[in-house]
Each structure stands twice: as structure tokens, then as C-alpha cells.
């Protein structure tokens, strides 16, 4: 966000959404990014485009960085069992393996690429 908000790159003019190429060319354009920014933000009554516009109007405030040690591992990996190591669910997992897994579904491609 900090790099995106830097006026030197020309994408955003903090405090001025109408002069921000990020909004005028990408978010308000006829492209996949614009389609995504027109989706409703989960848990809010706003679409992502409105959130981005408000952020730019407010001067692109950057939230304070959270300290990594303040995060609980269970918040990052809520599916990991507490008492034993979670097994990995791969692309070629059998239906019975998927049924045993706490999440029961493969996220992404099943491996780091």
C-alpha cells in the first residue's frame, strides 16, 4: 500500500481520487481488475472501489505494522489440530483422505509454485 500510495509512481494522487490513475484507468476501466473492485467487500455494505476511493480521499493513510509475535498460530492456521501435526492435502488426495482432513478441500494448486 505504501508503494502504491507513493505519488512518485504516478498511480495515486493522495487526497484526489479523480486525479489518481489507479482509479481512473484500472479500477474504473473495462477490465478484470475493475470487475473485482466492483464486488462487495465481505462484512461491509461497500464495494472495494468505494473503499479504495475513500482511502485515497483520506490521503492514503498507512496502518501501523502489526508485530508478528502478536499473532497466534491458530489465527493463521485455524485448521491445524492442536494435539497432532496436520497432514497435507495434495492434488491427488483420495476422497477418503479429503474426508479425514479438517478443512476437506484443496486450496490453490495444492503446492507452492
N, C-alpha and C. Protein backbone atom coordinates (compact mmCIF):
# COMPACT_ATOMS: atom_id res chain seq x y z
N UNK A 1 0.82 -1.18 0.00
CA UNK A 1 0.00 0.00 0.00
C UNK A 1 0.87 1.25 0.00
N UNK A 2 1.97 1.17 0.72
CA UNK A 2 2.85 2.33 0.81
C UNK A 2 3.44 2.66 -0.56
N UNK A 3 3.85 1.65 -1.30
CA UNK A 3 4.42 1.86 -2.63
C UNK A 3 3.34 2.38 -3.58
N UNK A 4 2.17 1.81 -3.51
CA UNK A 4 1.06 2.24 -4.36
C UNK A 4 0.69 3.70 -4.07
N UNK A 5 0.75 4.10 -2.82
CA UNK A 5 0.38 5.46 -2.41
C UNK A 5 1.47 6.49 -2.71
N UNK A 6 2.66 6.07 -3.08
CA UNK A 6 3.76 6.99 -3.35
C UNK A 6 3.44 7.80 -4.62
N UNK A 7 3.31 9.12 -4.51
CA UNK A 7 2.98 9.94 -5.68
C UNK A 7 4.03 9.85 -6.79
N UNK A 8 5.25 9.45 -6.45
CA UNK A 8 6.31 9.37 -7.45
C UNK A 8 6.03 8.32 -8.52
N UNK A 9 5.24 7.30 -8.20
CA UNK A 9 4.98 6.27 -9.21
C UNK A 9 3.85 6.66 -10.15
N UNK A 10 3.09 7.70 -9.84
CA UNK A 10 2.07 8.22 -10.73
C UNK A 10 0.73 7.51 -10.71
N UNK A 11 0.56 6.51 -9.89
CA UNK A 11 -0.71 5.78 -9.87
C UNK A 11 -1.75 6.43 -8.98
N UNK A 12 -1.32 7.02 -7.88
CA UNK A 12 -2.26 7.60 -6.93
C UNK A 12 -1.83 9.01 -6.57
N UNK A 13 -2.81 9.91 -6.51
CA UNK A 13 -2.60 11.27 -6.01
C UNK A 13 -3.32 11.34 -4.68
N UNK A 14 -2.60 11.19 -3.55
CA UNK A 14 -3.26 11.19 -2.24
C UNK A 14 -4.16 12.41 -2.05
N UNK A 15 -5.39 12.15 -1.60
CA UNK A 15 -6.35 13.21 -1.38
C UNK A 15 -7.15 13.60 -2.61
N UNK A 16 -6.83 13.01 -3.78
CA UNK A 16 -7.51 13.40 -5.01
C UNK A 16 -7.81 12.17 -5.88
N UNK A 17 -8.90 11.47 -5.60
CA UNK A 17 -9.24 10.26 -6.37
C UNK A 17 -9.41 10.51 -7.87
N UNK A 18 -9.95 11.66 -8.24
CA UNK A 18 -10.21 11.92 -9.67
C UNK A 18 -8.92 12.10 -10.46
N UNK A 19 -7.82 12.36 -9.81
CA UNK A 19 -6.53 12.50 -10.48
C UNK A 19 -5.65 11.27 -10.30
N UNK A 20 -6.19 10.22 -9.72
CA UNK A 20 -5.44 9.00 -9.44
C UNK A 20 -5.65 8.00 -10.57
N UNK A 21 -4.59 7.73 -11.33
CA UNK A 21 -4.66 6.78 -12.44
C UNK A 21 -5.09 5.39 -11.99
N UNK A 22 -4.76 5.02 -10.77
CA UNK A 22 -5.18 3.72 -10.23
C UNK A 22 -6.69 3.58 -10.34
N UNK A 23 -7.42 4.63 -9.99
CA UNK A 23 -8.88 4.59 -10.07
C UNK A 23 -9.38 4.83 -11.49
N UNK A 24 -8.88 5.87 -12.13
CA UNK A 24 -9.42 6.25 -13.44
C UNK A 24 -9.12 5.24 -14.53
N UNK A 25 -7.97 4.58 -14.48
CA UNK A 25 -7.59 3.66 -15.56
C UNK A 25 -7.78 2.19 -15.21
N UNK A 26 -7.56 1.82 -13.97
CA UNK A 26 -7.64 0.41 -13.60
C UNK A 26 -8.96 0.03 -12.94
N UNK A 27 -9.30 0.72 -11.87
CA UNK A 27 -10.48 0.35 -11.09
C UNK A 27 -11.78 0.73 -11.81
N UNK A 28 -11.78 1.83 -12.56
CA UNK A 28 -12.98 2.26 -13.27
C UNK A 28 -12.96 1.85 -14.73
N UNK A 29 -11.98 1.07 -15.13
CA UNK A 29 -11.87 0.66 -16.53
C UNK A 29 -12.76 -0.54 -16.86
N UNK A 30 -12.59 -1.03 -18.07
CA UNK A 30 -13.32 -2.21 -18.54
C UNK A 30 -12.32 -3.37 -18.58
N UNK A 31 -12.02 -3.92 -17.40
CA UNK A 31 -11.01 -4.96 -17.29
C UNK A 31 -11.32 -5.85 -16.08
N UNK A 32 -10.54 -6.88 -15.91
CA UNK A 32 -10.75 -7.83 -14.82
C UNK A 32 -10.59 -7.17 -13.45
N UNK A 33 -9.64 -6.23 -13.33
CA UNK A 33 -9.44 -5.57 -12.03
C UNK A 33 -10.68 -4.76 -11.67
N UNK A 34 -11.23 -4.05 -12.65
CA UNK A 34 -12.44 -3.26 -12.39
C UNK A 34 -13.59 -4.17 -11.96
N UNK A 35 -13.70 -5.33 -12.62
CA UNK A 35 -14.75 -6.28 -12.23
C UNK A 35 -14.59 -6.71 -10.78
N UNK A 36 -13.36 -6.98 -10.37
CA UNK A 36 -13.11 -7.40 -8.99
C UNK A 36 -13.39 -6.27 -7.99
N UNK A 37 -13.02 -5.05 -8.34
CA UNK A 37 -13.24 -3.92 -7.44
C UNK A 37 -14.70 -3.54 -7.33
N UNK A 38 -15.55 -4.05 -8.21
CA UNK A 38 -16.99 -3.80 -8.13
C UNK A 38 -17.71 -4.86 -7.30
N UNK A 39 -16.96 -5.76 -6.68
CA UNK A 39 -17.54 -6.79 -5.81
C UNK A 39 -17.71 -6.24 -4.40
N UNK A 40 -18.70 -6.73 -3.71
CA UNK A 40 -18.96 -6.32 -2.32
C UNK A 40 -17.86 -6.85 -1.41
N UNK A 41 -17.37 -5.99 -0.54
CA UNK A 41 -16.38 -6.39 0.46
C UNK A 41 -17.07 -7.21 1.53
N UNK A 42 -16.51 -8.37 1.90
CA UNK A 42 -17.15 -9.22 2.91
C UNK A 42 -17.36 -8.48 4.24
N UNK A 43 -18.57 -8.59 4.77
CA UNK A 43 -18.88 -8.00 6.05
C UNK A 43 -19.13 -6.50 6.02
N UNK A 44 -19.09 -5.90 4.85
CA UNK A 44 -19.32 -4.45 4.73
C UNK A 44 -20.42 -4.19 3.72
N UNK A 45 -21.00 -3.02 3.78
CA UNK A 45 -22.02 -2.67 2.81
C UNK A 45 -21.43 -1.78 1.71
N UNK A 46 -20.17 -2.04 1.39
CA UNK A 46 -19.45 -1.25 0.38
C UNK A 46 -18.80 -2.19 -0.62
N UNK A 47 -18.52 -1.64 -1.81
CA UNK A 47 -17.74 -2.39 -2.77
C UNK A 47 -16.28 -1.94 -2.63
N UNK A 48 -15.36 -2.75 -3.13
CA UNK A 48 -13.94 -2.46 -2.98
C UNK A 48 -13.56 -1.12 -3.61
N UNK A 49 -14.21 -0.75 -4.72
CA UNK A 49 -13.90 0.53 -5.38
C UNK A 49 -14.18 1.69 -4.43
N UNK A 50 -15.29 1.63 -3.69
CA UNK A 50 -15.60 2.69 -2.73
C UNK A 50 -14.57 2.76 -1.61
N UNK A 51 -14.11 1.60 -1.16
CA UNK A 51 -13.09 1.56 -0.11
C UNK A 51 -11.79 2.19 -0.60
N UNK A 52 -11.38 1.85 -1.82
CA UNK A 52 -10.15 2.42 -2.39
C UNK A 52 -10.29 3.93 -2.58
N UNK A 53 -11.46 4.38 -3.05
CA UNK A 53 -11.70 5.81 -3.25
C UNK A 53 -11.63 6.56 -1.92
N UNK A 54 -12.26 6.03 -0.89
CA UNK A 54 -12.21 6.66 0.44
C UNK A 54 -10.78 6.71 0.97
N UNK A 55 -10.02 5.65 0.75
CA UNK A 55 -8.63 5.61 1.21
C UNK A 55 -7.82 6.72 0.54
N UNK A 56 -8.04 6.90 -0.75
CA UNK A 56 -7.31 7.96 -1.46
C UNK A 56 -7.78 9.33 -1.00
N UNK A 57 -9.09 9.51 -0.80
CA UNK A 57 -9.63 10.79 -0.31
C UNK A 57 -9.03 11.15 1.04
N UNK A 58 -8.79 10.15 1.87
CA UNK A 58 -8.23 10.38 3.21
C UNK A 58 -6.72 10.61 3.19
N UNK A 59 -6.12 10.61 2.01
CA UNK A 59 -4.68 10.84 1.91
C UNK A 59 -3.84 9.58 1.98
N UNK A 60 -4.44 8.43 1.78
CA UNK A 60 -3.75 7.14 1.77
C UNK A 60 -3.06 6.81 3.09
N UNK A 61 -3.79 6.84 4.19
CA UNK A 61 -3.16 6.50 5.47
C UNK A 61 -2.68 5.05 5.48
N UNK A 62 -1.50 4.85 5.98
CA UNK A 62 -0.90 3.51 6.08
C UNK A 62 -1.03 3.06 7.54
N UNK A 63 -1.72 1.93 7.79
CA UNK A 63 -1.85 1.47 9.17
C UNK A 63 -0.51 1.06 9.74
N UNK A 64 -0.40 1.17 11.04
CA UNK A 64 0.83 0.74 11.72
C UNK A 64 1.01 -0.76 11.50
N UNK A 65 2.25 -1.16 11.30
CA UNK A 65 2.55 -2.58 11.08
C UNK A 65 2.33 -3.36 12.37
N UNK A 66 1.70 -4.50 12.23
CA UNK A 66 1.49 -5.37 13.38
C UNK A 66 2.75 -6.17 13.65
N UNK A 67 3.02 -6.44 14.89
CA UNK A 67 4.18 -7.24 15.24
C UNK A 67 3.84 -8.72 15.03
N UNK A 68 4.69 -9.46 14.30
CA UNK A 68 4.39 -10.87 14.04
C UNK A 68 4.15 -11.70 15.29
N UNK A 69 4.83 -11.38 16.39
CA UNK A 69 4.65 -12.18 17.60
C UNK A 69 3.28 -11.97 18.23
N UNK A 70 2.55 -10.94 17.78
CA UNK A 70 1.23 -10.72 18.35
C UNK A 70 0.16 -11.62 17.74
N UNK A 71 0.51 -12.34 16.68
CA UNK A 71 -0.43 -13.24 16.04
C UNK A 71 -0.32 -14.64 16.64
N UNK A 72 -1.45 -15.21 16.93
CA UNK A 72 -1.47 -16.60 17.40
C UNK A 72 -1.41 -17.51 16.19
N UNK A 73 -0.68 -18.60 16.29
CA UNK A 73 -0.57 -19.54 15.19
C UNK A 73 -1.95 -20.06 14.80
N UNK A 74 -2.83 -20.23 15.76
CA UNK A 74 -4.17 -20.73 15.46
C UNK A 74 -4.97 -19.73 14.64
N UNK A 75 -4.63 -18.44 14.71
CA UNK A 75 -5.32 -17.44 13.89
C UNK A 75 -4.87 -17.54 12.44
N UNK A 76 -3.63 -17.93 12.24
CA UNK A 76 -3.09 -18.05 10.89
C UNK A 76 -3.47 -19.40 10.28
N UNK A 77 -3.41 -20.45 11.08
CA UNK A 77 -3.71 -21.81 10.63
C UNK A 77 -4.82 -22.40 11.50
N UNK A 78 -6.06 -21.94 11.34
CA UNK A 78 -7.13 -22.42 12.23
C UNK A 78 -7.48 -23.89 12.02
N UNK A 79 -7.05 -24.47 10.91
CA UNK A 79 -7.39 -25.86 10.62
C UNK A 79 -6.40 -26.84 11.22
N UNK A 80 -5.29 -26.36 11.76
CA UNK A 80 -4.28 -27.25 12.31
C UNK A 80 -4.74 -27.82 13.65
N UNK A 81 -4.74 -29.14 13.79
CA UNK A 81 -5.11 -29.74 15.08
C UNK A 81 -4.13 -29.31 16.17
N UNK A 82 -4.62 -29.19 17.37
CA UNK A 82 -3.78 -28.75 18.49
C UNK A 82 -2.85 -29.85 18.99
N UNK A 83 -3.30 -31.10 18.92
CA UNK A 83 -2.53 -32.17 19.54
C UNK A 83 -1.63 -32.94 18.58
N UNK A 84 -1.88 -32.89 17.30
CA UNK A 84 -1.03 -33.62 16.37
C UNK A 84 -0.82 -32.81 15.11
N UNK A 85 0.22 -33.13 14.41
CA UNK A 85 0.58 -32.41 13.19
C UNK A 85 -0.47 -32.67 12.09
N UNK A 86 -0.89 -31.58 11.43
CA UNK A 86 -1.87 -31.71 10.34
C UNK A 86 -1.19 -32.30 9.12
N UNK A 87 -1.88 -33.20 8.45
CA UNK A 87 -1.32 -33.73 7.21
C UNK A 87 -1.72 -32.83 6.07
N UNK A 88 -0.91 -32.86 5.05
CA UNK A 88 -1.13 -32.01 3.90
C UNK A 88 -2.07 -32.67 2.91
N UNK A 89 -2.97 -31.89 2.37
CA UNK A 89 -3.92 -32.38 1.38
C UNK A 89 -3.42 -31.97 0.01
N UNK A 90 -3.03 -32.94 -0.82
CA UNK A 90 -2.47 -32.66 -2.14
C UNK A 90 -3.49 -32.82 -3.25
N UNK A 91 -3.07 -32.49 -4.46
CA UNK A 91 -3.95 -32.57 -5.62
C UNK A 91 -4.49 -33.97 -5.86
N UNK A 92 -3.71 -34.98 -5.56
CA UNK A 92 -4.11 -36.35 -5.84
C UNK A 92 -4.64 -37.08 -4.61
N UNK A 93 -5.12 -36.32 -3.64
CA UNK A 93 -5.68 -36.93 -2.43
C UNK A 93 -6.95 -37.70 -2.79
N UNK A 94 -7.09 -38.84 -2.18
CA UNK A 94 -8.29 -39.65 -2.41
C UNK A 94 -9.48 -39.04 -1.68
N UNK A 95 -10.70 -39.40 -2.06
CA UNK A 95 -11.86 -38.89 -1.34
C UNK A 95 -11.83 -39.21 0.16
N UNK A 96 -11.31 -40.38 0.52
CA UNK A 96 -11.25 -40.72 1.94
C UNK A 96 -10.22 -39.84 2.67
N UNK A 97 -9.11 -39.49 2.01
CA UNK A 97 -8.14 -38.58 2.63
C UNK A 97 -8.74 -37.20 2.81
N UNK A 98 -9.48 -36.72 1.81
CA UNK A 98 -10.12 -35.41 1.91
C UNK A 98 -11.15 -35.40 3.04
N UNK A 99 -11.87 -36.49 3.20
CA UNK A 99 -12.88 -36.57 4.25
C UNK A 99 -12.26 -36.51 5.65
N UNK A 100 -11.03 -37.02 5.81
CA UNK A 100 -10.36 -37.02 7.11
C UNK A 100 -9.76 -35.66 7.45
N UNK A 101 -9.50 -34.84 6.43
CA UNK A 101 -8.83 -33.56 6.66
C UNK A 101 -9.82 -32.56 7.26
N UNK A 102 -9.40 -31.77 8.27
CA UNK A 102 -10.31 -30.83 8.92
C UNK A 102 -10.93 -29.81 7.95
N UNK A 103 -10.17 -29.39 6.97
CA UNK A 103 -10.68 -28.42 6.00
C UNK A 103 -11.44 -29.13 4.89
N UNK A 104 -10.97 -30.29 4.47
CA UNK A 104 -11.67 -31.10 3.49
C UNK A 104 -11.61 -30.62 2.07
N UNK A 105 -10.79 -29.63 1.79
CA UNK A 105 -10.69 -29.12 0.43
C UNK A 105 -9.27 -28.66 0.16
N UNK A 106 -8.90 -28.66 -1.10
CA UNK A 106 -7.58 -28.20 -1.50
C UNK A 106 -7.67 -26.73 -1.82
N UNK A 107 -6.73 -25.96 -1.29
CA UNK A 107 -6.67 -24.54 -1.60
C UNK A 107 -5.59 -24.32 -2.65
N UNK A 108 -5.90 -23.57 -3.68
CA UNK A 108 -4.93 -23.27 -4.72
C UNK A 108 -4.58 -24.51 -5.53
N UNK A 109 -3.32 -24.61 -5.91
CA UNK A 109 -2.86 -25.70 -6.74
C UNK A 109 -2.41 -26.91 -5.90
N UNK A 110 -2.43 -26.79 -4.61
CA UNK A 110 -2.04 -27.90 -3.76
C UNK A 110 -0.57 -27.92 -3.41
N UNK A 111 0.19 -27.00 -3.97
CA UNK A 111 1.62 -26.93 -3.65
C UNK A 111 2.11 -25.51 -3.89
N UNK A 112 3.26 -25.19 -3.33
CA UNK A 112 3.86 -23.89 -3.56
C UNK A 112 4.49 -23.91 -4.94
N UNK A 113 4.28 -22.89 -5.71
CA UNK A 113 4.84 -22.88 -7.05
C UNK A 113 5.95 -21.91 -7.18
